[in-house]
């Protein structure tokens, strides 16, 4: 009888310990998921803001290209018949013509 009580007490202790470990592991995982989500949210917000700025810059450049005059280099018009933006300048097929930013 006493051996059965000891065995039951051991089983009870083991079950309680396992339940406690599982509860703490579950809480740890929840907190870690929340920490990662918060860290990612700030990065995602920053990247979305950067994307919005780049999209706006792209839109402005596309508008400038639509209004650009045909490219006339030393040898006449480029075969494409329009200006190409390259780095900080405007390029024809056979030459580079600088422009002032914001023009």
Protein backbone atom coordinates (compact mmCIF):
# COMPACT_ATOMS: atom_id res chain seq x y z
CA UNK A 1 0.00 0.00 0.00
CA UNK A 2 2.76 2.43 0.95
CA UNK A 3 4.68 1.60 -2.25
CA UNK A 4 1.58 2.45 -4.32
CA UNK A 5 1.25 5.80 -2.55
CA UNK A 6 4.92 6.60 -3.27
CA UNK A 7 4.48 5.59 -6.90
CA UNK A 8 1.31 7.72 -7.21
CA UNK A 9 3.11 10.66 -5.60
CA UNK A 10 6.01 10.22 -8.05
CA UNK A 11 3.65 10.11 -11.01
CA UNK A 12 1.83 13.19 -9.72
CA UNK A 13 5.13 15.02 -9.26
CA UNK A 14 6.25 14.03 -12.78
CA UNK A 15 2.99 15.13 -14.38
CA UNK A 16 3.09 18.43 -12.53
CA UNK A 17 6.70 19.00 -13.60
CA UNK A 18 5.96 18.21 -17.25
CA UNK A 19 2.89 20.46 -17.22
CA UNK A 20 4.99 23.29 -15.74
CA UNK A 21 7.76 22.84 -18.32
CA UNK A 22 5.22 22.79 -21.17
CA UNK A 23 3.50 25.91 -19.82
CA UNK A 24 6.81 27.80 -19.54
CA UNK A 25 7.89 26.65 -23.01
CA UNK A 26 4.56 27.79 -24.45
CA UNK A 27 4.89 31.19 -22.74
CA UNK A 28 8.49 31.53 -23.96
CA UNK A 29 7.44 30.77 -27.54
CA UNK A 30 4.59 33.29 -27.35
CA UNK A 31 6.92 36.01 -26.06
CA UNK A 32 9.59 35.19 -28.65
CA UNK A 33 7.00 35.29 -31.45
CA UNK A 34 5.82 38.67 -30.18
CA UNK A 35 9.42 39.99 -29.96
CA UNK A 36 10.23 38.88 -33.51
CA UNK A 37 6.98 40.36 -34.83
CA UNK A 38 7.70 43.73 -33.21
CA UNK A 39 11.27 43.74 -34.53
CA UNK A 40 10.08 42.86 -38.03
CA UNK A 41 7.27 45.43 -37.99
CA UNK A 42 9.69 48.32 -37.60
CA UNK A 43 11.89 46.99 -40.41
CA UNK A 44 8.86 46.45 -42.64
CA UNK A 45 7.61 50.00 -41.94
CA UNK A 46 11.03 51.45 -42.81
CA UNK A 47 11.22 49.44 -46.04
CA UNK A 48 7.68 50.50 -47.02
CA UNK A 49 8.61 54.15 -46.46
CA UNK A 50 11.75 53.71 -48.58
CA UNK A 51 9.70 51.99 -51.29
CA UNK A 52 7.21 54.87 -51.33
CA UNK A 53 10.08 57.36 -51.79
CA UNK A 54 11.59 55.28 -54.58
CA UNK A 55 8.22 54.93 -56.30
CA UNK A 56 7.74 58.70 -56.14
CA UNK A 57 11.22 59.26 -57.57
CA UNK A 58 10.51 56.73 -60.33
CA UNK A 59 7.23 58.49 -61.15
CA UNK A 60 9.01 61.87 -61.40
CA UNK A 61 11.71 60.40 -63.64
CA UNK A 62 9.11 58.75 -65.87
CA UNK A 63 7.30 62.10 -66.21
CA UNK A 64 10.58 63.82 -67.10
CA UNK A 65 11.29 61.20 -69.73
CA UNK A 66 7.85 61.69 -71.27
CA UNK A 67 8.50 65.43 -71.60
CA UNK A 68 12.13 65.12 -72.74
CA UNK A 69 13.11 66.48 -76.14
CA UNK A 70 14.63 64.13 -78.70
CA UNK A 71 18.32 63.67 -78.07
CA UNK A 72 20.56 65.64 -80.42
CA UNK A 73 24.21 64.80 -80.03
CA UNK A 74 27.13 65.87 -82.17
CA UNK A 75 26.07 63.41 -84.85
CA UNK A 76 22.33 64.12 -84.84
CA UNK A 77 19.40 62.39 -83.19
CA UNK A 78 19.86 59.12 -81.37
CA UNK A 79 18.31 56.07 -83.02
CA UNK A 80 15.90 55.81 -80.09
CA UNK A 81 14.82 59.44 -80.52
CA UNK A 82 14.60 60.19 -76.78
CA UNK A 83 16.76 60.90 -73.77
CA UNK A 84 17.90 58.22 -71.35
CA UNK A 85 18.62 59.01 -67.72
CA UNK A 86 21.96 57.57 -66.65
CA UNK A 87 23.22 58.18 -63.12
CA UNK A 88 23.27 61.95 -62.64
CA UNK A 89 23.07 62.75 -66.33
CA UNK A 90 21.09 62.30 -69.49
CA UNK A 91 22.62 60.07 -72.10
CA UNK A 92 22.23 59.73 -75.82
CA UNK A 93 23.63 56.73 -77.55
CA UNK A 94 26.85 58.55 -78.47
CA UNK A 95 27.29 61.09 -75.68
CA UNK A 96 26.55 62.17 -72.13
CA UNK A 97 24.80 65.45 -71.47
CA UNK A 98 24.62 66.60 -67.86
CA UNK A 99 21.52 68.25 -66.49
CA UNK A 100 20.82 70.20 -63.34
CA UNK A 101 18.87 68.19 -60.71
CA UNK A 102 15.26 69.25 -60.46
CA UNK A 103 15.14 70.63 -64.01
